[in-house]
PDB file of N, CA and C in Angstrom:
ATOM      1  N   MET A   1      -9.093  20.266 -21.523  1.00  0.00           N
ATOM      2  CA  MET A   1     -10.536  20.170 -21.558  1.00  0.00           C
ATOM      3  C   MET A   1     -11.067  21.223 -22.523  1.00  0.00           C
ATOM      4  N   ARG A   2     -11.956  20.803 -23.425  1.00  0.00           N
ATOM      5  CA  ARG A   2     -12.525  21.738 -24.384  1.00  0.00           C
ATOM      6  C   ARG A   2     -14.035  21.595 -24.353  1.00  0.00           C
ATOM      7  N   VAL A   3     -14.679  22.572 -23.806  1.00  0.00           N
ATOM      8  CA  VAL A   3     -16.134  22.546 -23.692  1.00  0.00           C
ATOM      9  C   VAL A   3     -16.790  22.665 -25.055  1.00  0.00           C
ATOM     10  N   ALA A   4     -16.108  23.251 -26.012  1.00  0.00           N
ATOM     11  CA  ALA A   4     -16.674  23.436 -27.347  1.00  0.00           C
ATOM     12  C   ALA A   4     -17.021  22.102 -28.003  1.00  0.00           C
ATOM     13  N   ASN A   5     -16.434  20.999 -27.545  1.00  0.00           N
ATOM     14  CA  ASN A   5     -16.699  19.680 -28.117  1.00  0.00           C
ATOM     15  C   ASN A   5     -17.894  18.986 -27.479  1.00  0.00           C
ATOM     16  N   LEU A   6     -18.568  19.645 -26.561  1.00  0.00           N
ATOM     17  CA  LEU A   6     -19.691  19.050 -25.859  1.00  0.00           C
ATOM     18  C   LEU A   6     -20.829  18.752 -26.837  1.00  0.00           C
ATOM     19  N   LYS A   7     -21.330  17.527 -26.773  1.00  0.00           N
ATOM     20  CA  LYS A   7     -22.454  17.120 -27.618  1.00  0.00           C
ATOM     21  C   LYS A   7     -23.607  16.775 -26.698  1.00  0.00           C
ATOM     22  N   TYR A   8     -24.723  17.474 -26.852  1.00  0.00           N
ATOM     23  CA  TYR A   8     -25.850  17.310 -25.941  1.00  0.00           C
ATOM     24  C   TYR A   8     -26.630  16.025 -26.160  1.00  0.00           C
ATOM     25  N   ASP A   9     -26.350  15.289 -27.238  1.00  0.00           N
ATOM     26  CA  ASP A   9     -27.049  14.028 -27.444  1.00  0.00           C
ATOM     27  C   ASP A   9     -26.321  12.864 -26.775  1.00  0.00           C
ATOM     28  N   GLU A  10     -25.200  13.141 -26.119  1.00  0.00           N
ATOM     29  CA  GLU A  10     -24.460  12.113 -25.405  1.00  0.00           C
ATOM     30  C   GLU A  10     -24.930  12.063 -23.946  1.00  0.00           C
ATOM     31  N   ASP A  11     -24.505  11.041 -23.239  1.00  0.00           N
ATOM     32  CA  ASP A  11     -24.833  10.901 -21.821  1.00  0.00           C
ATOM     33  C   ASP A  11     -24.001  11.909 -21.035  1.00  0.00           C
ATOM     34  N   LEU A  12     -24.621  13.004 -20.605  1.00  0.00           N
ATOM     35  CA  LEU A  12     -23.897  14.070 -19.911  1.00  0.00           C
ATOM     36  C   LEU A  12     -23.435  13.660 -18.521  1.00  0.00           C
ATOM     37  N   THR A  13     -23.969  12.563 -17.982  1.00  0.00           N
ATOM     38  CA  THR A  13     -23.520  12.120 -16.664  1.00  0.00           C
ATOM     39  C   THR A  13     -22.090  11.594 -16.701  1.00  0.00           C
ATOM     40  N   LYS A  14     -21.603  11.238 -17.883  1.00  0.00           N
ATOM     41  CA  LYS A  14     -20.228  10.752 -18.019  1.00  0.00           C
ATOM     42  C   LYS A  14     -19.223  11.910 -18.069  1.00  0.00           C
ATOM     43  N   GLN A  15     -19.690  13.133 -18.274  1.00  0.00           N
ATOM     44  CA  GLN A  15     -18.857  14.333 -18.350  1.00  0.00           C
ATOM     45  C   GLN A  15     -17.710  14.155 -19.352  1.00  0.00           C
ATOM     46  N   LYS A  16     -18.030  13.661 -20.538  1.00  0.00           N
ATOM     47  CA  LYS A  16     -17.044  13.516 -21.613  1.00  0.00           C
ATOM     48  C   LYS A  16     -16.835  14.882 -22.260  1.00  0.00           C
ATOM     49  N   ASN A  17     -15.605  15.289 -22.436  1.00  0.00           N
ATOM     50  CA  ASN A  17     -15.220  16.571 -23.051  1.00  0.00           C
ATOM     51  C   ASN A  17     -15.543  17.786 -22.189  1.00  0.00           C
ATOM     52  N   PHE A  18     -15.959  17.573 -20.963  1.00  0.00           N
ATOM     53  CA  PHE A  18     -16.168  18.678 -20.035  1.00  0.00           C
ATOM     54  C   PHE A  18     -16.162  18.113 -18.624  1.00  0.00           C
ATOM     55  N   LYS A  19     -16.001  18.959 -17.651  1.00  0.00           N
ATOM     56  CA  LYS A  19     -16.052  18.516 -16.267  1.00  0.00           C
ATOM     57  C   LYS A  19     -16.559  19.663 -15.414  1.00  0.00           C
ATOM     58  N   ILE A  20     -17.471  19.356 -14.544  1.00  0.00           N
ATOM     59  CA  ILE A  20     -17.962  20.330 -13.585  1.00  0.00           C
ATOM     60  C   ILE A  20     -17.264  20.034 -12.262  1.00  0.00           C
ATOM     61  N   ILE A  21     -16.626  21.035 -11.712  1.00  0.00           N
ATOM     62  CA  ILE A  21     -15.871  20.856 -10.476  1.00  0.00           C
ATOM     63  C   ILE A  21     -16.476  21.738  -9.399  1.00  0.00           C
ATOM     64  N   TYR A  22     -16.799  21.124  -8.279  1.00  0.00           N
ATOM     65  CA  TYR A  22     -17.369  21.861  -7.157  1.00  0.00           C
ATOM     66  C   TYR A  22     -16.262  22.159  -6.156  1.00  0.00           C
ATOM     67  N   HIS A  23     -16.158  23.399  -5.757  1.00  0.00           N
ATOM     68  CA  HIS A  23     -15.222  23.811  -4.714  1.00  0.00           C
ATOM     69  C   HIS A  23     -16.042  24.355  -3.553  1.00  0.00           C
ATOM     70  N   ASN A  24     -15.910  23.751  -2.400  1.00  0.00           N
ATOM     71  CA  ASN A  24     -16.652  24.191  -1.229  1.00  0.00           C
ATOM     72  C   ASN A  24     -16.239  25.604  -0.830  1.00  0.00           C
ATOM     73  N   LYS A  25     -14.963  25.887  -0.934  1.00  0.00           N
ATOM     74  CA  LYS A  25     -14.453  27.224  -0.629  1.00  0.00           C
ATOM     75  C   LYS A  25     -13.522  27.662  -1.752  1.00  0.00           C
ATOM     76  N   ILE A  26     -13.607  28.913  -2.124  1.00  0.00           N
ATOM     77  CA  ILE A  26     -12.753  29.483  -3.160  1.00  0.00           C
ATOM     78  C   ILE A  26     -11.545  30.137  -2.510  1.00  0.00           C
ATOM     79  N   ASP A  27     -10.351  29.792  -3.010  1.00  0.00           N
ATOM     80  CA  ASP A  27      -9.120  30.417  -2.529  1.00  0.00           C
ATOM     81  C   ASP A  27      -8.829  31.625  -3.424  1.00  0.00           C
ATOM     82  N   TYR A  28      -9.131  32.800  -2.952  1.00  0.00           N
ATOM     83  CA  TYR A  28      -8.949  34.014  -3.746  1.00  0.00           C
ATOM     84  C   TYR A  28      -7.492  34.465  -3.800  1.00  0.00           C
ATOM     85  N   PHE A  29      -6.620  33.781  -3.094  1.00  0.00           N
ATOM     86  CA  PHE A  29      -5.214  34.167  -3.067  1.00  0.00           C
ATOM     87  C   PHE A  29      -4.335  33.260  -3.922  1.00  0.00           C
ATOM     88  N   ILE A  30      -4.947  32.359  -4.680  1.00  0.00           N
ATOM     89  CA  ILE A  30      -4.190  31.482  -5.565  1.00  0.00           C
ATOM     90  C   ILE A  30      -3.578  32.314  -6.694  1.00  0.00           C
ATOM     91  N   THR A  31      -2.386  31.974  -7.100  1.00  0.00           N
ATOM     92  CA  THR A  31      -1.696  32.742  -8.142  1.00  0.00           C
ATOM     93  C   THR A  31      -2.042  32.180  -9.520  1.00  0.00           C
ATOM     94  N   GLN A  32      -1.796  32.981 -10.550  1.00  0.00           N
ATOM     95  CA  GLN A  32      -2.035  32.529 -11.920  1.00  0.00           C
ATOM     96  C   GLN A  32      -1.140  31.341 -12.256  1.00  0.00           C
ATOM     97  N   GLU A  33       0.068  31.323 -11.736  1.00  0.00           N
ATOM     98  CA  GLU A  33       0.982  30.203 -11.987  1.00  0.00           C
ATOM     99  C   GLU A  33       0.429  28.905 -11.398  1.00  0.00           C
ATOM    100  N   GLN A  34      -0.164  28.987 -10.209  1.00  0.00           N
ATOM    101  CA  GLN A  34      -0.760  27.803  -9.591  1.00  0.00           C
ATOM    102  C   GLN A  34      -1.965  27.312 -10.393  1.00  0.00           C
ATOM    103  N   ILE A  35      -2.741  28.235 -10.915  1.00  0.00           N
ATOM    104  CA  ILE A  35      -3.896  27.862 -11.735  1.00  0.00           C
ATOM    105  C   ILE A  35      -3.441  27.196 -13.028  1.00  0.00           C
ATOM    106  N   LYS A  36      -2.415  27.738 -13.665  1.00  0.00           N
ATOM    107  CA  LYS A  36      -1.908  27.157 -14.920  1.00  0.00           C
ATOM    108  C   LYS A  36      -1.410  25.731 -14.711  1.00  0.00           C
ATOM    109  N   LYS A  37      -0.835  25.446 -13.558  1.00  0.00           N
ATOM    110  CA  LYS A  37      -0.357  24.090 -13.263  1.00  0.00           C
ATOM    111  C   LYS A  37      -1.508  23.098 -13.157  1.00  0.00           C
ATOM    112  N   LEU A  38      -2.703  23.573 -12.819  1.00  0.00           N
ATOM    113  CA  LEU A  38      -3.874  22.703 -12.721  1.00  0.00           C
ATOM    114  C   LEU A  38      -4.435  22.338 -14.090  1.00  0.00           C
ATOM    115  N   LYS A  39      -4.066  23.089 -15.122  1.00  0.00           N
ATOM    116  CA  LYS A  39      -4.495  22.856 -16.511  1.00  0.00           C
ATOM    117  C   LYS A  39      -6.010  22.862 -16.678  1.00  0.00           C
ATOM    118  N   PHE A  40      -6.654  23.833 -16.064  1.00  0.00           N
ATOM    119  CA  PHE A  40      -8.083  24.026 -16.255  1.00  0.00           C
ATOM    120  C   PHE A  40      -8.323  24.749 -17.574  1.00  0.00           C
ATOM    121  N   PHE A  41      -9.472  24.491 -18.169  1.00  0.00           N
ATOM    122  CA  PHE A  41      -9.908  25.206 -19.355  1.00  0.00           C
ATOM    123  C   PHE A  41     -10.191  26.662 -18.968  1.00  0.00           C
ATOM    124  N   THR A  42      -9.774  27.582 -19.791  1.00  0.00           N
ATOM    125  CA  THR A  42     -10.124  28.982 -19.576  1.00  0.00           C
ATOM    126  C   THR A  42     -10.681  29.545 -20.874  1.00  0.00           C
ATOM    127  N   HIS A  43     -11.336  30.674 -20.782  1.00  0.00           N
ATOM    128  CA  HIS A  43     -11.913  31.327 -21.952  1.00  0.00           C
ATOM    129  C   HIS A  43     -10.853  31.584 -23.022  1.00  0.00           C
ATOM    130  N   ALA A  44      -9.661  31.931 -22.598  1.00  0.00           N
ATOM    131  CA  ALA A  44      -8.590  32.251 -23.551  1.00  0.00           C
ATOM    132  C   ALA A  44      -8.085  31.017 -24.291  1.00  0.00           C
ATOM    133  N   ASP A  45      -8.388  29.808 -23.798  1.00  0.00           N
ATOM    134  CA  ASP A  45      -7.919  28.573 -24.423  1.00  0.00           C
ATOM    135  C   ASP A  45      -8.718  28.190 -25.660  1.00  0.00           C
ATOM    136  N   ASP A  46      -9.823  28.817 -25.901  1.00  0.00           N
ATOM    137  CA  ASP A  46     -10.709  28.385 -26.979  1.00  0.00           C
ATOM    138  C   ASP A  46     -11.054  29.564 -27.874  1.00  0.00           C
ATOM    139  N   THR A  47     -11.138  29.299 -29.164  1.00  0.00           N
ATOM    140  CA  THR A  47     -11.503  30.362 -30.092  1.00  0.00           C
ATOM    141  C   THR A  47     -13.009  30.570 -30.164  1.00  0.00           C
ATOM    142  N   LEU A  48     -13.777  29.572 -29.698  1.00  0.00           N
ATOM    143  CA  LEU A  48     -15.228  29.712 -29.677  1.00  0.00           C
ATOM    144  C   LEU A  48     -15.655  30.410 -28.398  1.00  0.00           C
ATOM    145  N   TYR A  49     -16.802  31.040 -28.434  1.00  0.00           N
ATOM    146  CA  TYR A  49     -17.303  31.765 -27.274  1.00  0.00           C
ATOM    147  C   TYR A  49     -17.685  30.797 -26.162  1.00  0.00           C
ATOM    148  N   PHE A  50     -17.209  31.062 -24.975  1.00  0.00           N
ATOM    149  CA  PHE A  50     -17.558  30.277 -23.790  1.00  0.00           C
ATOM    150  C   PHE A  50     -18.018  31.262 -22.726  1.00  0.00           C
ATOM    151  N   PRO A  51     -19.301  31.251 -22.338  1.00  0.00           N
ATOM    152  CA  PRO A  51     -19.859  32.323 -21.501  1.00  0.00           C
ATOM    153  C   PRO A  51     -19.412  32.335 -20.039  1.00  0.00           C
ATOM    154  N   VAL A  52     -18.843  31.253 -19.528  1.00  0.00           N
ATOM    155  CA  VAL A  52     -18.447  31.231 -18.123  1.00  0.00           C
ATOM    156  C   VAL A  52     -17.006  31.712 -18.020  1.00  0.00           C
ATOM    157  N   LYS A  53     -16.841  32.857 -17.375  1.00  0.00           N
ATOM    158  CA  LYS A  53     -15.514  33.453 -17.302  1.00  0.00           C
ATOM    159  C   LYS A  53     -14.957  33.494 -15.889  1.00  0.00           C
ATOM    160  N   LYS A  54     -15.760  33.126 -14.901  1.00  0.00           N
ATOM    161  CA  LYS A  54     -15.289  33.130 -13.520  1.00  0.00           C
ATOM    162  C   LYS A  54     -16.141  32.163 -12.705  1.00  0.00           C
ATOM    163  N   GLU A  55     -15.760  31.960 -11.474  1.00  0.00           N
ATOM    164  CA  GLU A  55     -16.518  31.064 -10.611  1.00  0.00           C
ATOM    165  C   GLU A  55     -17.909  31.628 -10.364  1.00  0.00           C
ATOM    166  N   SER A  56     -18.835  30.747 -10.078  1.00  0.00           N
ATOM    167  CA  SER A  56     -20.209  31.162  -9.807  1.00  0.00           C
ATOM    168  C   SER A  56     -20.716  30.419  -8.598  1.00  0.00           C
ATOM    169  N   LYS A  57     -21.461  31.098  -7.785  1.00  0.00           N
ATOM    170  CA  LYS A  57     -22.059  30.488  -6.611  1.00  0.00           C
ATOM    171  C   LYS A  57     -23.397  29.879  -7.005  1.00  0.00           C
ATOM    172  N   ILE A  58     -23.672  28.699  -6.487  1.00  0.00           N
ATOM    173  CA  ILE A  58     -24.979  28.098  -6.715  1.00  0.00           C
ATOM    174  C   ILE A  58     -25.702  28.005  -5.380  1.00  0.00           C
ATOM    175  N   SER A  59     -26.981  28.205  -5.424  1.00  0.00           N
ATOM    176  CA  SER A  59     -27.812  28.085  -4.233  1.00  0.00           C
ATOM    177  C   SER A  59     -28.831  26.990  -4.491  1.00  0.00           C
ATOM    178  N   LEU A  60     -28.970  26.100  -3.541  1.00  0.00           N
ATOM    179  CA  LEU A  60     -29.879  24.976  -3.707  1.00  0.00           C
ATOM    180  C   LEU A  60     -30.971  25.017  -2.658  1.00  0.00           C
ATOM    181  N   LYS A  61     -32.121  24.507  -3.046  1.00  0.00           N
ATOM    182  CA  LYS A  61     -33.189  24.330  -2.074  1.00  0.00           C
ATOM    183  C   LYS A  61     -33.895  23.025  -2.401  1.00  0.00           C
ATOM    184  N   LYS A  62     -34.312  22.351  -1.364  1.00  0.00           N
ATOM    185  CA  LYS A  62     -35.010  21.092  -1.539  1.00  0.00           C
ATOM    186  C   LYS A  62     -36.431  21.382  -2.011  1.00  0.00           C
ATOM    187  N   ASP A  63     -36.857  20.650  -3.033  1.00  0.00           N
ATOM    188  CA  ASP A  63     -38.178  20.862  -3.594  1.00  0.00           C
ATOM    189  C   ASP A  63     -38.629  19.563  -4.245  1.00  0.00           C
ATOM    190  N   GLU A  64     -39.825  19.531  -4.724  1.00  0.00           N
ATOM    191  CA  GLU A  64     -40.360  18.385  -5.447  1.00  0.00           C
ATOM    192  C   GLU A  64     -40.613  18.784  -6.888  1.00  0.00           C
ATOM    193  N   ASP A  65     -40.450  17.806  -7.774  1.00  0.00           N
ATOM    194  CA  ASP A  65     -40.663  18.064  -9.185  1.00  0.00           C
ATOM    195  C   ASP A  65     -41.089  16.757  -9.845  1.00  0.00           C
ATOM    196  N   TYR A  66     -41.647  16.859 -11.024  1.00  0.00           N
ATOM    197  CA  TYR A  66     -42.017  15.684 -11.790  1.00  0.00           C
ATOM    198  C   TYR A  66     -40.793  15.164 -12.518  1.00  0.00           C
ATOM    199  N   ILE A  67     -40.755  13.858 -12.722  1.00  0.00           N
ATOM    200  CA  ILE A  67     -39.667  13.268 -13.491  1.00  0.00           C
ATOM    201  C   ILE A  67     -40.176  13.026 -14.902  1.00  0.00           C
ATOM    202  N   ILE A  68     -39.352  13.296 -15.874  1.00  0.00           N
ATOM    203  CA  ILE A  68     -39.751  13.078 -17.262  1.00  0.00           C
ATOM    204  C   ILE A  68     -39.076  11.813 -17.791  1.00  0.00           C
ATOM    205  N   ARG A  69     -39.638  11.260 -18.820  1.00  0.00           N
ATOM    206  CA  ARG A  69     -39.121  10.006 -19.375  1.00  0.00           C
ATOM    207  C   ARG A  69     -37.691  10.137 -19.876  1.00  0.00           C
ATOM    208  N   GLU A  70     -37.292  11.319 -20.312  1.00  0.00           N
ATOM    209  CA  GLU A  70     -35.947  11.520 -20.832  1.00  0.00           C
ATOM    210  C   GLU A  70     -34.889  11.598 -19.735  1.00  0.00           C
ATOM    211  N   ASP A  71     -35.308  11.708 -18.478  1.00  0.00           N
ATOM    212  CA  ASP A  71     -34.365  11.729 -17.358  1.00  0.00           C
ATOM    213  C   ASP A  71     -33.680  10.367 -17.272  1.00  0.00           C
ATOM    214  N   PHE A  72     -32.357  10.350 -17.124  1.00  0.00           N
ATOM    215  CA  PHE A  72     -31.632   9.080 -17.130  1.00  0.00           C
ATOM    216  C   PHE A  72     -31.989   8.186 -15.938  1.00  0.00           C
ATOM    217  N   THR A  73     -32.625   8.716 -14.915  1.00  0.00           N
ATOM    218  CA  THR A  73     -33.025   7.901 -13.762  1.00  0.00           C
ATOM    219  C   THR A  73     -34.492   7.470 -13.830  1.00  0.00           C
ATOM    220  N   PHE A  74     -35.201   7.890 -14.887  1.00  0.00           N
ATOM    221  CA  PHE A  74     -36.638   7.628 -14.982  1.00  0.00           C
ATOM    222  C   PHE A  74     -36.969   6.147 -14.820  1.00  0.00           C
ATOM    223  N   TYR A  75     -36.320   5.272 -15.575  1.00  0.00           N
ATOM    224  CA  TYR A  75     -36.691   3.865 -15.581  1.00  0.00           C
ATOM    225  C   TYR A  75     -36.418   3.188 -14.242  1.00  0.00           C
ATOM    226  N   LYS A  76     -35.384   3.635 -13.539  1.00  0.00           N
ATOM    227  CA  LYS A  76     -35.107   3.083 -12.215  1.00  0.00           C
ATOM    228  C   LYS A  76     -36.268   3.407 -11.270  1.00  0.00           C
ATOM    229  N   TYR A  77     -36.692   4.658 -11.247  1.00  0.00           N
ATOM    230  CA  TYR A  77     -37.789   5.056 -10.360  1.00  0.00           C
ATOM    231  C   TYR A  77     -39.123   4.453 -10.808  1.00  0.00           C
ATOM    232  N   TYR A  78     -39.343   4.391 -12.118  1.00  0.00           N
ATOM    233  CA  TYR A  78     -40.568   3.807 -12.636  1.00  0.00           C
ATOM    234  C   TYR A  78     -40.654   2.329 -12.260  1.00  0.00           C
ATOM    235  N   ALA A  79     -39.544   1.606 -12.421  1.00  0.00           N
ATOM    236  CA  ALA A  79     -39.524   0.177 -12.094  1.00  0.00           C
ATOM    237  C   ALA A  79     -39.769  -0.041 -10.604  1.00  0.00           C
ATOM    238  N   ASN A  80     -39.196   0.815  -9.768  1.00  0.00           N
ATOM    239  CA  ASN A  80     -39.422   0.695  -8.325  1.00  0.00           C
ATOM    240  C   ASN A  80     -40.880   0.968  -7.966  1.00  0.00           C
ATOM    241  N   ALA A  81     -41.476   1.974  -8.569  1.00  0.00           N
ATOM    242  CA  ALA A  81     -42.886   2.297  -8.306  1.00  0.00           C
ATOM    243  C   ALA A  81     -43.789   1.176  -8.805  1.00  0.00           C
ATOM    244  N   TYR A  82     -43.486   0.632  -9.986  1.00  0.00           N
ATOM    245  CA  TYR A  82     -44.262  -0.471 -10.547  1.00  0.00           C
ATOM    246  C   TYR A  82     -44.235  -1.678  -9.613  1.00  0.00           C
ATOM    247  N   LYS A  83     -43.029  -1.996  -9.117  1.00  0.00           N
ATOM    248  CA  LYS A  83     -42.885  -3.140  -8.208  1.00  0.00           C
ATOM    249  C   LYS A  83     -43.661  -2.915  -6.910  1.00  0.00           C
ATOM    250  N   GLU A  84     -43.651  -1.683  -6.420  1.00  0.00           N
ATOM    251  CA  GLU A  84     -44.370  -1.366  -5.182  1.00  0.00           C
ATOM    252  C   GLU A  84     -45.884  -1.513  -5.366  1.00  0.00           C
ATOM    253  N   VAL A  85     -46.401  -1.082  -6.515  1.00  0.00           N
ATOM    254  CA  VAL A  85     -47.841  -1.138  -6.754  1.00  0.00           C
ATOM    255  C   VAL A  85     -48.306  -2.541  -7.129  1.00  0.00           C
ATOM    256  N   TYR A  86     -47.584  -3.209  -8.064  1.00  0.00           N
ATOM    257  CA  TYR A  86     -48.044  -4.491  -8.601  1.00  0.00           C
ATOM    258  C   TYR A  86     -47.370  -5.711  -7.969  1.00  0.00           C
ATOM    259  N   LYS A  87     -46.422  -5.462  -7.044  1.00  0.00           N
ATOM    260  CA  LYS A  87     -45.726  -6.537  -6.325  1.00  0.00           C
ATOM    261  C   LYS A  87     -44.986  -7.490  -7.258  1.00  0.00           C
ATOM    262  N   LYS A  88     -44.548  -7.002  -8.406  1.00  0.00           N
ATOM    263  CA  LYS A  88     -43.727  -7.807  -9.320  1.00  0.00           C
ATOM    264  C   LYS A  88     -42.833  -6.872 -10.134  1.00  0.00           C
ATOM    265  N   ASN A  89     -41.771  -7.453 -10.676  1.00  0.00           N
ATOM    266  CA  ASN A  89     -40.844  -6.672 -11.483  1.00  0.00           C
ATOM    267  C   ASN A  89     -41.428  -6.408 -12.858  1.00  0.00           C
ATOM    268  N   ILE A  90     -41.081  -5.269 -13.389  1.00  0.00           N
ATOM    269  CA  ILE A  90     -41.505  -4.928 -14.746  1.00  0.00           C
ATOM    270  C   ILE A  90     -40.651  -5.709 -15.725  1.00  0.00           C
ATOM    271  N   LEU A  91     -41.237  -6.175 -16.803  1.00  0.00           N
ATOM    272  CA  LEU A  91     -40.493  -6.938 -17.805  1.00  0.00           C
ATOM    273  C   LEU A  91     -39.652  -5.987 -18.657  1.00  0.00           C
ATOM    274  N   LYS A  92     -38.412  -6.401 -18.910  1.00  0.00           N
ATOM    275  CA  LYS A  92     -37.548  -5.592 -19.782  1.00  0.00           C
ATOM    276  C   LYS A  92     -37.760  -6.048 -21.209  1.00  0.00           C
ATOM    277  N   SER A  93     -37.851  -5.063 -22.128  1.00  0.00           N
ATOM    278  CA  SER A  93     -38.063  -5.435 -23.539  1.00  0.00           C
ATOM    279  C   SER A  93     -36.767  -5.400 -24.287  1.00  0.00           C
TER     280      SER A  93
END
């Protein structure tokens, strides 16, 4: 896996040339040999700068936000809202 090949104009939901992996629990006792067998990308594998050098914890909270047209789910939600208001399907162009 080489993150340096990531192109932001592609569909990032396909995770082409990169992969985000969620681990519910981190095993801090795993050996370097076990990690190498998994063939994960590491900072040392690439000559370009990659800022993530270790695991990171994420914290989530439920909230509301506006959806923008560039969001890949925009048209699905827009079509559902349109159908709810106008009682008909939106025409596809």
